Structures are given as C-alpha cells and as structure tokens.
PDB file of N, CA and C in Angstrom:
ATOM      1  N   MET A   1     -41.880 -48.789-142.667  1.00  0.00           N
ATOM      2  CA  MET A   1     -42.100 -47.645-143.523  1.00  0.00           C
ATOM      3  C   MET A   1     -40.843 -46.769-143.549  1.00  0.00           C
ATOM      4  N   THR A   2     -40.752 -45.976-144.576  1.00  0.00           N
ATOM      5  CA  THR A   2     -39.597 -45.097-144.703  1.00  0.00           C
ATOM      6  C   THR A   2     -39.976 -43.660-144.359  1.00  0.00           C
ATOM      7  N   ASN A   3     -38.957 -42.874-144.060  1.00  0.00           N
ATOM      8  CA  ASN A   3     -39.176 -41.464-143.778  1.00  0.00           C
ATOM      9  C   ASN A   3     -39.596 -40.748-145.056  1.00  0.00           C
ATOM     10  N   ARG A   4     -40.295 -39.640-144.890  1.00  0.00           N
ATOM     11  CA  ARG A   4     -40.655 -38.834-146.051  1.00  0.00           C
ATOM     12  C   ARG A   4     -39.965 -37.472-145.932  1.00  0.00           C
ATOM     13  N   ILE A   5     -39.652 -36.927-147.087  1.00  0.00           N
ATOM     14  CA  ILE A   5     -38.976 -35.628-147.145  1.00  0.00           C
ATOM     15  C   ILE A   5     -39.810 -34.703-148.017  1.00  0.00           C
ATOM     16  N   SER A   6     -40.077 -33.518-147.502  1.00  0.00           N
ATOM     17  CA  SER A   6     -40.785 -32.518-148.299  1.00  0.00           C
ATOM     18  C   SER A   6     -39.887 -31.292-148.427  1.00  0.00           C
ATOM     19  N   LYS A   7     -40.015 -30.608-149.552  1.00  0.00           N
ATOM     20  CA  LYS A   7     -39.225 -29.400-149.808  1.00  0.00           C
ATOM     21  C   LYS A   7     -40.167 -28.283-150.220  1.00  0.00           C
ATOM     22  N   HIS A   8     -39.853 -27.075-149.759  1.00  0.00           N
ATOM     23  CA  HIS A   8     -40.577 -25.910-150.243  1.00  0.00           C
ATOM     24  C   HIS A   8     -39.632 -24.719-150.281  1.00  0.00           C
ATOM     25  N   LEU A   9     -39.981 -23.754-151.087  1.00  0.00           N
ATOM     26  CA  LEU A   9     -39.150 -22.585-151.304  1.00  0.00           C
ATOM     27  C   LEU A   9     -39.698 -21.426-150.490  1.00  0.00           C
ATOM     28  N   VAL A  10     -38.826 -20.748-149.747  1.00  0.00           N
ATOM     29  CA  VAL A  10     -39.216 -19.524-149.050  1.00  0.00           C
ATOM     30  C   VAL A  10     -38.387 -18.380-149.619  1.00  0.00           C
ATOM     31  N   THR A  11     -38.997 -17.218-149.700  1.00  0.00           N
ATOM     32  CA  THR A  11     -38.328 -16.035-150.227  1.00  0.00           C
ATOM     33  C   THR A  11     -38.315 -14.955-149.164  1.00  0.00           C
ATOM     34  N   PHE A  12     -37.137 -14.414-148.910  1.00  0.00           N
ATOM     35  CA  PHE A  12     -36.989 -13.299-147.982  1.00  0.00           C
ATOM     36  C   PHE A  12     -36.712 -12.041-148.783  1.00  0.00           C
ATOM     37  N   ARG A  13     -37.471 -10.973-148.491  1.00  0.00           N
ATOM     38  CA  ARG A  13     -37.295  -9.703-149.192  1.00  0.00           C
ATOM     39  C   ARG A  13     -36.098  -8.930-148.651  1.00  0.00           C
ATOM     40  N   SER A  14     -35.747  -9.186-147.403  1.00  0.00           N
ATOM     41  CA  SER A  14     -34.668  -8.458-146.725  1.00  0.00           C
ATOM     42  C   SER A  14     -33.721  -9.459-146.080  1.00  0.00           C
ATOM     43  N   PRO A  15     -32.496  -9.018-145.766  1.00  0.00           N
ATOM     44  CA  PRO A  15     -31.612  -9.902-144.998  1.00  0.00           C
ATOM     45  C   PRO A  15     -32.326 -10.314-143.698  1.00  0.00           C
ATOM     46  N   PHE A  16     -32.023 -11.508-143.222  1.00  0.00           N
ATOM     47  CA  PHE A  16     -32.736 -12.022-142.054  1.00  0.00           C
ATOM     48  C   PHE A  16     -31.783 -12.802-141.157  1.00  0.00           C
ATOM     49  N   TYR A  17     -32.249 -13.088-139.970  1.00  0.00           N
ATOM     50  CA  TYR A  17     -31.499 -13.916-139.029  1.00  0.00           C
ATOM     51  C   TYR A  17     -32.449 -14.907-138.387  1.00  0.00           C
ATOM     52  N   LEU A  18     -31.871 -15.981-137.905  1.00  0.00           N
ATOM     53  CA  LEU A  18     -32.616 -16.988-137.156  1.00  0.00           C
ATOM     54  C   LEU A  18     -32.067 -16.989-135.742  1.00  0.00           C
ATOM     55  N   GLU A  19     -32.929 -17.002-134.758  1.00  0.00           N
ATOM     56  CA  GLU A  19     -32.518 -16.902-133.359  1.00  0.00           C
ATOM     57  C   GLU A  19     -31.470 -17.939-132.974  1.00  0.00           C
ATOM     58  N   SER A  20     -31.560 -19.138-133.516  1.00  0.00           N
ATOM     59  CA  SER A  20     -30.663 -20.221-133.117  1.00  0.00           C
ATOM     60  C   SER A  20     -29.310 -20.178-133.838  1.00  0.00           C
ATOM     61  N   LEU A  21     -29.160 -19.266-134.803  1.00  0.00           N
ATOM     62  CA  LEU A  21     -27.905 -19.159-135.556  1.00  0.00           C
ATOM     63  C   LEU A  21     -27.347 -17.754-135.416  1.00  0.00           C
ATOM     64  N   GLU A  22     -26.043 -17.625-135.510  1.00  0.00           N
ATOM     65  CA  GLU A  22     -25.413 -16.316-135.352  1.00  0.00           C
ATOM     66  C   GLU A  22     -25.376 -15.511-136.642  1.00  0.00           C
ATOM     67  N   ASP A  23     -25.388 -16.176-137.786  1.00  0.00           N
ATOM     68  CA  ASP A  23     -25.215 -15.503-139.069  1.00  0.00           C
ATOM     69  C   ASP A  23     -26.456 -14.721-139.483  1.00  0.00           C
ATOM     70  N   GLU A  24     -26.207 -13.624-140.223  1.00  0.00           N
ATOM     71  CA  GLU A  24     -27.287 -12.956-140.930  1.00  0.00           C
ATOM     72  C   GLU A  24     -27.252 -13.511-142.351  1.00  0.00           C
ATOM     73  N   TRP A  25     -28.422 -13.808-142.898  1.00  0.00           N
ATOM     74  CA  TRP A  25     -28.522 -14.409-144.220  1.00  0.00           C
ATOM     75  C   TRP A  25     -29.044 -13.368-145.190  1.00  0.00           C
ATOM     76  N   PRO A  26     -28.523 -13.349-146.417  1.00  0.00           N
ATOM     77  CA  PRO A  26     -28.982 -12.342-147.384  1.00  0.00           C
ATOM     78  C   PRO A  26     -30.403 -12.621-147.866  1.00  0.00           C
ATOM     79  N   ALA A  27     -31.054 -11.571-148.342  1.00  0.00           N
ATOM     80  CA  ALA A  27     -32.372 -11.722-148.958  1.00  0.00           C
ATOM     81  C   ALA A  27     -32.252 -12.692-150.132  1.00  0.00           C
ATOM     82  N   GLY A  28     -33.335 -13.383-150.424  1.00  0.00           N
ATOM     83  CA  GLY A  28     -33.313 -14.307-151.554  1.00  0.00           C
ATOM     84  C   GLY A  28     -34.182 -15.520-151.310  1.00  0.00           C
ATOM     85  N   ASP A  29     -34.019 -16.501-152.183  1.00  0.00           N
ATOM     86  CA  ASP A  29     -34.790 -17.744-152.117  1.00  0.00           C
ATOM     87  C   ASP A  29     -33.990 -18.821-151.392  1.00  0.00           C
ATOM     88  N   TYR A  30     -34.677 -19.568-150.541  1.00  0.00           N
ATOM     89  CA  TYR A  30     -34.054 -20.650-149.780  1.00  0.00           C
ATOM     90  C   TYR A  30     -34.945 -21.880-149.854  1.00  0.00           C
ATOM     91  N   THR A  31     -34.345 -23.021-150.108  1.00  0.00           N
ATOM     92  CA  THR A  31     -35.083 -24.275-150.081  1.00  0.00           C
ATOM     93  C   THR A  31     -35.079 -24.792-148.647  1.00  0.00           C
ATOM     94  N   ILE A  32     -36.266 -25.138-148.164  1.00  0.00           N
ATOM     95  CA  ILE A  32     -36.415 -25.700-146.818  1.00  0.00           C
ATOM     96  C   ILE A  32     -36.829 -27.153-146.983  1.00  0.00           C
ATOM     97  N   GLU A  33     -36.070 -28.034-146.368  1.00  0.00           N
ATOM     98  CA  GLU A  33     -36.320 -29.470-146.466  1.00  0.00           C
ATOM     99  C   GLU A  33     -36.720 -29.988-145.083  1.00  0.00           C
ATOM    100  N   THR A  34     -37.836 -30.681-145.026  1.00  0.00           N
ATOM    101  CA  THR A  34     -38.328 -31.249-143.760  1.00  0.00           C
ATOM    102  C   THR A  34     -38.380 -32.763-143.884  1.00  0.00           C
ATOM    103  N   GLU A  35     -37.742 -33.431-142.936  1.00  0.00           N
ATOM    104  CA  GLU A  35     -37.790 -34.898-142.899  1.00  0.00           C
ATOM    105  C   GLU A  35     -38.710 -35.315-141.761  1.00  0.00           C
ATOM    106  N   GLU A  36     -39.601 -36.260-142.069  1.00  0.00           N
ATOM    107  CA  GLU A  36     -40.540 -36.772-141.081  1.00  0.00           C
ATOM    108  C   GLU A  36     -40.496 -38.290-141.076  1.00  0.00           C
ATOM    109  N   GLU A  37     -40.705 -38.859-139.887  1.00  0.00           N
ATOM    110  CA  GLU A  37     -40.750 -40.310-139.775  1.00  0.00           C
ATOM    111  C   GLU A  37     -42.156 -40.742-139.381  1.00  0.00           C
ATOM    112  N   PRO A  38     -42.585 -41.905-139.854  1.00  0.00           N
ATOM    113  CA  PRO A  38     -43.926 -42.384-139.500  1.00  0.00           C
ATOM    114  C   PRO A  38     -43.972 -42.820-138.038  1.00  0.00           C
ATOM    115  N   LEU A  39     -45.101 -42.567-137.411  1.00  0.00           N
ATOM    116  CA  LEU A  39     -45.324 -43.023-136.040  1.00  0.00           C
ATOM    117  C   LEU A  39     -45.915 -44.428-136.085  1.00  0.00           C
ATOM    118  N   ASP A  40     -45.618 -45.191-135.078  1.00  0.00           N
ATOM    119  CA  ASP A  40     -46.190 -46.532-134.986  1.00  0.00           C
ATOM    120  C   ASP A  40     -47.624 -46.419-134.487  1.00  0.00           C
ATOM    121  N   SER A  41     -48.547 -46.640-135.394  1.00  0.00           N
ATOM    122  CA  SER A  41     -49.951 -46.579-135.039  1.00  0.00           C
ATOM    123  C   SER A  41     -50.710 -47.540-135.945  1.00  0.00           C
ATOM    124  N   ALA A  42     -51.487 -48.397-135.335  1.00  0.00           N
ATOM    125  CA  ALA A  42     -52.249 -49.372-136.112  1.00  0.00           C
ATOM    126  C   ALA A  42     -53.526 -48.761-136.687  1.00  0.00           C
ATOM    127  N   SER A  43     -53.998 -47.656-136.097  1.00  0.00           N
ATOM    128  CA  SER A  43     -55.287 -47.122-136.506  1.00  0.00           C
ATOM    129  C   SER A  43     -55.220 -46.014-137.560  1.00  0.00           C
ATOM    130  N   PHE A  44     -54.125 -45.263-137.613  1.00  0.00           N
ATOM    131  CA  PHE A  44     -54.038 -44.193-138.617  1.00  0.00           C
ATOM    132  C   PHE A  44     -52.574 -43.863-138.893  1.00  0.00           C
ATOM    133  N   LEU A  45     -52.340 -43.219-140.035  1.00  0.00           N
ATOM    134  CA  LEU A  45     -50.993 -42.846-140.449  1.00  0.00           C
ATOM    135  C   LEU A  45     -50.687 -41.438-139.945  1.00  0.00           C
ATOM    136  N   ALA A  46     -49.583 -41.293-139.239  1.00  0.00           N
ATOM    137  CA  ALA A  46     -49.167 -39.985-138.730  1.00  0.00           C
ATOM    138  C   ALA A  46     -47.651 -39.911-138.786  1.00  0.00           C
ATOM    139  N   TYR A  47     -47.143 -38.684-138.867  1.00  0.00           N
ATOM    140  CA  TYR A  47     -45.705 -38.468-138.971  1.00  0.00           C
ATOM    141  C   TYR A  47     -45.233 -37.499-137.903  1.00  0.00           C
ATOM    142  N   ARG A  48     -43.957 -37.635-137.549  1.00  0.00           N
ATOM    143  CA  ARG A  48     -43.299 -36.734-136.596  1.00  0.00           C
ATOM    144  C   ARG A  48     -42.089 -36.131-137.297  1.00  0.00           C
ATOM    145  N   ARG A  49     -41.911 -34.807-137.132  1.00  0.00           N
ATOM    146  CA  ARG A  49     -40.776 -34.129-137.752  1.00  0.00           C
ATOM    147  C   ARG A  49     -39.481 -34.594-137.106  1.00  0.00           C
ATOM    148  N   VAL A  50     -38.526 -34.950-137.936  1.00  0.00           N
ATOM    149  CA  VAL A  50     -37.209 -35.383-137.481  1.00  0.00           C
ATOM    150  C   VAL A  50     -36.217 -34.228-137.578  1.00  0.00           C
ATOM    151  N   SER A  51     -36.267 -33.506-138.717  1.00  0.00           N
ATOM    152  CA  SER A  51     -35.344 -32.381-138.889  1.00  0.00           C
ATOM    153  C   SER A  51     -35.875 -31.407-139.928  1.00  0.00           C
ATOM    154  N   THR A  52     -35.408 -30.172-139.806  1.00  0.00           N
ATOM    155  CA  THR A  52     -35.694 -29.136-140.794  1.00  0.00           C
ATOM    156  C   THR A  52     -34.363 -28.532-141.190  1.00  0.00           C
ATOM    157  N   THR A  53     -34.119 -28.471-142.493  1.00  0.00           N
ATOM    158  CA  THR A  53     -32.836 -28.010-143.013  1.00  0.00           C
ATOM    159  C   THR A  53     -33.050 -26.899-144.030  1.00  0.00           C
ATOM    160  N   MET A  54     -32.233 -25.848-143.926  1.00  0.00           N
ATOM    161  CA  MET A  54     -32.232 -24.778-144.910  1.00  0.00           C
ATOM    162  C   MET A  54     -31.055 -25.031-145.841  1.00  0.00           C
ATOM    163  N   ILE A  55     -31.331 -25.083-147.134  1.00  0.00           N
ATOM    164  CA  ILE A  55     -30.292 -25.333-148.124  1.00  0.00           C
ATOM    165  C   ILE A  55     -29.855 -23.982-148.691  1.00  0.00           C
ATOM    166  N   VAL A  56     -28.578 -23.676-148.507  1.00  0.00           N
ATOM    167  CA  VAL A  56     -28.034 -22.370-148.882  1.00  0.00           C
ATOM    168  C   VAL A  56     -27.046 -22.564-150.027  1.00  0.00           C
ATOM    169  N   HIS A  57     -27.248 -21.817-151.100  1.00  0.00           N
ATOM    170  CA  HIS A  57     -26.331 -21.836-152.240  1.00  0.00           C
ATOM    171  C   HIS A  57     -25.602 -20.493-152.259  1.00  0.00           C
ATOM    172  N   ARG A  58     -24.271 -20.543-152.201  1.00  0.00           N
ATOM    173  CA  ARG A  58     -23.466 -19.317-152.227  1.00  0.00           C
ATOM    174  C   ARG A  58     -22.468 -19.396-153.362  1.00  0.00           C
ATOM    175  N   LYS A  59     -22.340 -18.291-154.091  1.00  0.00           N
ATOM    176  CA  LYS A  59     -21.339 -18.197-155.155  1.00  0.00           C
ATOM    177  C   LYS A  59     -19.985 -17.913-154.530  1.00  0.00           C
ATOM    178  N   ARG A  60     -18.989 -18.681-154.904  1.00  0.00           N
ATOM    179  CA  ARG A  60     -17.598 -18.491-154.474  1.00  0.00           C
ATOM    180  C   ARG A  60     -16.748 -18.460-155.734  1.00  0.00           C
ATOM    181  N   GLY A  61     -16.607 -17.262-156.322  1.00  0.00           N
ATOM    182  CA  GLY A  61     -15.887 -17.175-157.586  1.00  0.00           C
ATOM    183  C   GLY A  61     -16.688 -17.864-158.670  1.00  0.00           C
ATOM    184  N   LEU A  62     -16.075 -18.826-159.334  1.00  0.00           N
ATOM    185  CA  LEU A  62     -16.760 -19.569-160.399  1.00  0.00           C
ATOM    186  C   LEU A  62     -17.543 -20.755-159.868  1.00  0.00           C
ATOM    187  N   ARG A  63     -17.365 -21.077-158.594  1.00  0.00           N
ATOM    188  CA  ARG A  63     -18.026 -22.240-157.998  1.00  0.00           C
ATOM    189  C   ARG A  63     -19.241 -21.816-157.172  1.00  0.00           C
ATOM    190  N   THR A  64     -20.168 -22.745-157.050  1.00  0.00           N
ATOM    191  CA  THR A  64     -21.302 -22.554-156.153  1.00  0.00           C
ATOM    192  C   THR A  64     -21.148 -23.532-155.000  1.00  0.00           C
ATOM    193  N   GLU A  65     -21.172 -22.990-153.803  1.00  0.00           N
ATOM    194  CA  GLU A  65     -21.050 -23.810-152.592  1.00  0.00           C
ATOM    195  C   GLU A  65     -22.455 -24.066-152.051  1.00  0.00           C
ATOM    196  N   THR A  66     -22.744 -25.302-151.721  1.00  0.00           N
ATOM    197  CA  THR A  66     -24.029 -25.649-151.131  1.00  0.00           C
ATOM    198  C   THR A  66     -23.805 -26.032-149.682  1.00  0.00           C
ATOM    199  N   LYS A  67     -24.593 -25.405-148.813  1.00  0.00           N
ATOM    200  CA  LYS A  67     -24.467 -25.630-147.381  1.00  0.00           C
ATOM    201  C   LYS A  67     -25.833 -26.074-146.851  1.00  0.00           C
ATOM    202  N   PHE A  68     -25.837 -27.086-146.000  1.00  0.00           N
ATOM    203  CA  PHE A  68     -27.056 -27.584-145.383  1.00  0.00           C
ATOM    204  C   PHE A  68     -27.030 -27.167-143.912  1.00  0.00           C
ATOM    205  N   VAL A  69     -27.989 -26.332-143.524  1.00  0.00           N
ATOM    206  CA  VAL A  69     -28.013 -25.775-142.175  1.00  0.00           C
ATOM    207  C   VAL A  69     -29.255 -26.272-141.456  1.00  0.00           C
ATOM    208  N   THR A  70     -29.062 -26.995-140.353  1.00  0.00           N
ATOM    209  CA  THR A  70     -30.197 -27.458-139.556  1.00  0.00           C
ATOM    210  C   THR A  70     -30.778 -26.271-138.806  1.00  0.00           C
ATOM    211  N   ILE A  71     -32.096 -26.089-138.929  1.00  0.00           N
ATOM    212  CA  ILE A  71     -32.745 -24.932-138.313  1.00  0.00           C
ATOM    213  C   ILE A  71     -33.937 -25.360-137.471  1.00  0.00           C
ATOM    214  N   ASP A  72     -34.376 -24.455-136.629  1.00  0.00           N
ATOM    215  CA  ASP A  72     -35.580 -24.651-135.825  1.00  0.00           C
ATOM    216  C   ASP A  72     -36.752 -24.080-136.621  1.00  0.00           C
ATOM    217  N   PRO A  73     -37.786 -24.870-136.902  1.00  0.00           N
ATOM    218  CA  PRO A  73     -38.918 -24.374-137.690  1.00  0.00           C
ATOM    219  C   PRO A  73     -39.585 -23.146-137.063  1.00  0.00           C
ATOM    220  N   ALA A  74     -39.586 -23.049-135.744  1.00  0.00           N
ATOM    221  CA  ALA A  74     -40.177 -21.876-135.088  1.00  0.00           C
ATOM    222  C   ALA A  74     -39.357 -20.623-135.398  1.00  0.00           C
ATOM    223  N   ASP A  75     -38.026 -20.747-135.454  1.00  0.00           N
ATOM    224  CA  ASP A  75     -37.174 -19.616-135.827  1.00  0.00           C
ATOM    225  C   ASP A  75     -37.455 -19.178-137.258  1.00  0.00           C
ATOM    226  N   LEU A  76     -37.647 -20.145-138.151  1.00  0.00           N
ATOM    227  CA  LEU A  76     -37.954 -19.831-139.541  1.00  0.00           C
ATOM    228  C   LEU A  76     -39.283 -19.082-139.633  1.00  0.00           C
ATOM    229  N   ALA A  77     -40.290 -19.558-138.929  1.00  0.00           N
ATOM    230  CA  ALA A  77     -41.604 -18.898-138.946  1.00  0.00           C
ATOM    231  C   ALA A  77     -41.503 -17.472-138.420  1.00  0.00           C
ATOM    232  N   ALA A  78     -40.721 -17.267-137.364  1.00  0.00           N
ATOM    233  CA  ALA A  78     -40.553 -15.921-136.804  1.00  0.00           C
ATOM    234  C   ALA A  78     -39.836 -15.009-137.794  1.00  0.00           C
ATOM    235  N   ALA A  79     -38.811 -15.518-138.470  1.00  0.00           N
ATOM    236  CA  ALA A  79     -38.079 -14.721-139.464  1.00  0.00           C
ATOM    237  C   ALA A  79     -38.994 -14.367-140.636  1.00  0.00           C
ATOM    238  N   GLN A  80     -39.826 -15.303-141.062  1.00  0.00           N
ATOM    239  CA  GLN A  80     -40.760 -15.021-142.151  1.00  0.00           C
ATOM    240  C   GLN A  80     -41.780 -13.957-141.730  1.00  0.00           C
ATOM    241  N   ALA A  81     -42.248 -14.021-140.497  1.00  0.00           N
ATOM    242  CA  ALA A  81     -43.203 -13.026-140.006  1.00  0.00           C
ATOM    243  C   ALA A  81     -42.561 -11.640-139.980  1.00  0.00           C
ATOM    244  N   ARG A  82     -41.317 -11.562-139.515  1.00  0.00           N
ATOM    245  CA  ARG A  82     -40.615 -10.265-139.506  1.00  0.00           C
ATOM    246  C   ARG A  82     -40.449  -9.740-140.924  1.00  0.00           C
ATOM    247  N   ASP A  83     -40.138 -10.625-141.859  1.00  0.00           N
ATOM    248  CA  ASP A  83     -39.907 -10.228-143.245  1.00  0.00           C
ATOM    249  C   ASP A  83     -41.194  -9.738-143.914  1.00  0.00           C
ATOM    250  N   GLN A  84     -42.332 -10.199-143.464  1.00  0.00           N
ATOM    251  CA  GLN A  84     -43.613  -9.812-144.055  1.00  0.00           C
ATOM    252  C   GLN A  84     -44.155  -8.502-143.497  1.00  0.00           C
ATOM    253  N   GLN A  85     -43.539  -7.973-142.433  1.00  0.00           N
ATOM    254  CA  GLN A  85     -43.998  -6.714-141.874  1.00  0.00           C
ATOM    255  C   GLN A  85     -43.783  -5.605-142.889  1.00  0.00           C
ATOM    256  N   PRO A  86     -44.664  -4.588-142.875  1.00  0.00           N
ATOM    257  CA  PRO A  86     -44.499  -3.483-143.830  1.00  0.00           C
ATOM    258  C   PRO A  86     -43.145  -2.805-143.636  1.00  0.00           C
ATOM    259  N   LEU A  87     -42.637  -2.246-144.717  1.00  0.00           N
ATOM    260  CA  LEU A  87     -41.385  -1.497-144.634  1.00  0.00           C
ATOM    261  C   LEU A  87     -41.572  -0.346-143.650  1.00  0.00           C
ATOM    262  N   ASP A  88     -40.489   0.037-142.990  1.00  0.00           N
ATOM    263  CA  ASP A  88     -40.640   1.134-142.022  1.00  0.00           C
ATOM    264  C   ASP A  88     -40.878   2.454-142.755  1.00  0.00           C
ATOM    265  N   ARG A  89     -41.273   3.474-142.020  1.00  0.00           N
ATOM    266  CA  ARG A  89     -41.709   4.740-142.592  1.00  0.00           C
ATOM    267  C   ARG A  89     -40.651   5.395-143.480  1.00  0.00           C
ATOM    268  N   ALA A  90     -39.393   5.406-143.036  1.00  0.00           N
ATOM    269  CA  ALA A  90     -38.328   6.048-143.815  1.00  0.00           C
ATOM    270  C   ALA A  90     -38.160   5.363-145.167  1.00  0.00           C
ATOM    271  N   GLU A  91     -38.231   4.046-145.194  1.00  0.00           N
ATOM    272  CA  GLU A  91     -38.102   3.335-146.460  1.00  0.00           C
ATOM    273  C   GLU A  91     -39.281   3.629-147.365  1.00  0.00           C
ATOM    274  N   ASN A  92     -40.495   3.701-146.798  1.00  0.00           N
ATOM    275  CA  ASN A  92     -41.686   3.998-147.587  1.00  0.00           C
ATOM    276  C   ASN A  92     -41.605   5.402-148.199  1.00  0.00           C
ATOM    277  N   GLU A  93     -41.145   6.369-147.419  1.00  0.00           N
ATOM    278  CA  GLU A  93     -41.022   7.729-147.928  1.00  0.00           C
ATOM    279  C   GLU A  93     -40.001   7.801-149.042  1.00  0.00           C
ATOM    280  N   GLY A  94     -38.886   7.071-148.914  1.00  0.00           N
ATOM    281  CA  GLY A  94     -37.869   7.063-149.942  1.00  0.00           C
ATOM    282  C   GLY A  94     -38.368   6.434-151.227  1.00  0.00           C
ATOM    283  N   MET A  95     -39.237   5.451-151.110  1.00  0.00           N
ATOM    284  CA  MET A  95     -39.752   4.763-152.302  1.00  0.00           C
ATOM    285  C   MET A  95     -40.806   5.605-153.011  1.00  0.00           C
ATOM    286  N   SER A  96     -41.510   6.485-152.279  1.00  0.00           N
ATOM    287  CA  SER A  96     -42.577   7.262-152.921  1.00  0.00           C
ATOM    288  C   SER A  96     -42.031   8.310-153.869  1.00  0.00           C
ATOM    289  N   GLY A  97     -40.746   8.639-153.759  1.00  0.00           N
ATOM    290  CA  GLY A  97     -40.147   9.630-154.632  1.00  0.00           C
ATOM    291  C   GLY A  97     -39.740   9.059-155.971  1.00  0.00           C
ATOM    292  N   ARG A  98     -39.911   7.793-156.183  1.00  0.00           N
ATOM    293  CA  ARG A  98     -39.511   7.147-157.452  1.00  0.00           C
ATOM    294  C   ARG A  98     -40.531   7.356-158.535  1.00  0.00           C
TER     295      ARG A  98
END
C-alpha cells in the first residue's frame, strides 16, 4: 500500500509561534499537510502519522517563495488554542470605540 497525504487549511487571527521553532509567523492562512503510512494489519486498515508539514508562502518582491516546515502537531494544536482565546481586555476596549 502507499502512503496517504491529507491537507487542510488553518487560519491564525494573530501572529503565532510554535514551541519547536524559533520564528514567529504572521497571522494568515497556512496549509497543513499530514503524511500517514498504513500499518501492517490483516484484520483492519489503520494508519500512522509519518510527518506534519506547514506550507508557508511568502512574498519576496515580485516572487512568491514557498517553504515547507516540518512541525509537531501538538505545537500546532497549542498555537491554535492560544489563537482562539478571546482578545485581551485592552484590545476589546479599543475595538468598542469603533
């Protein structure tokens, strides 16, 4: 059997970081690609995650640079949880004046 690859889009409202990487990433949409391999089992079909990659597109002048960054899925989940937390009080007060 061959490996399977799934892709999904995640959106960050604010700049974020992943514990396993040093860079801060800007808010925006990121494609997450997960590769899984089938397990050897005669009784049922099951897969094991091989890798998780964040695909980053950055504008460099007239060119777009694509970077593939291997990430830890637990770090991604933690960053998404932080991003979903309500805005802090000062930001909320500033937005209410609009």
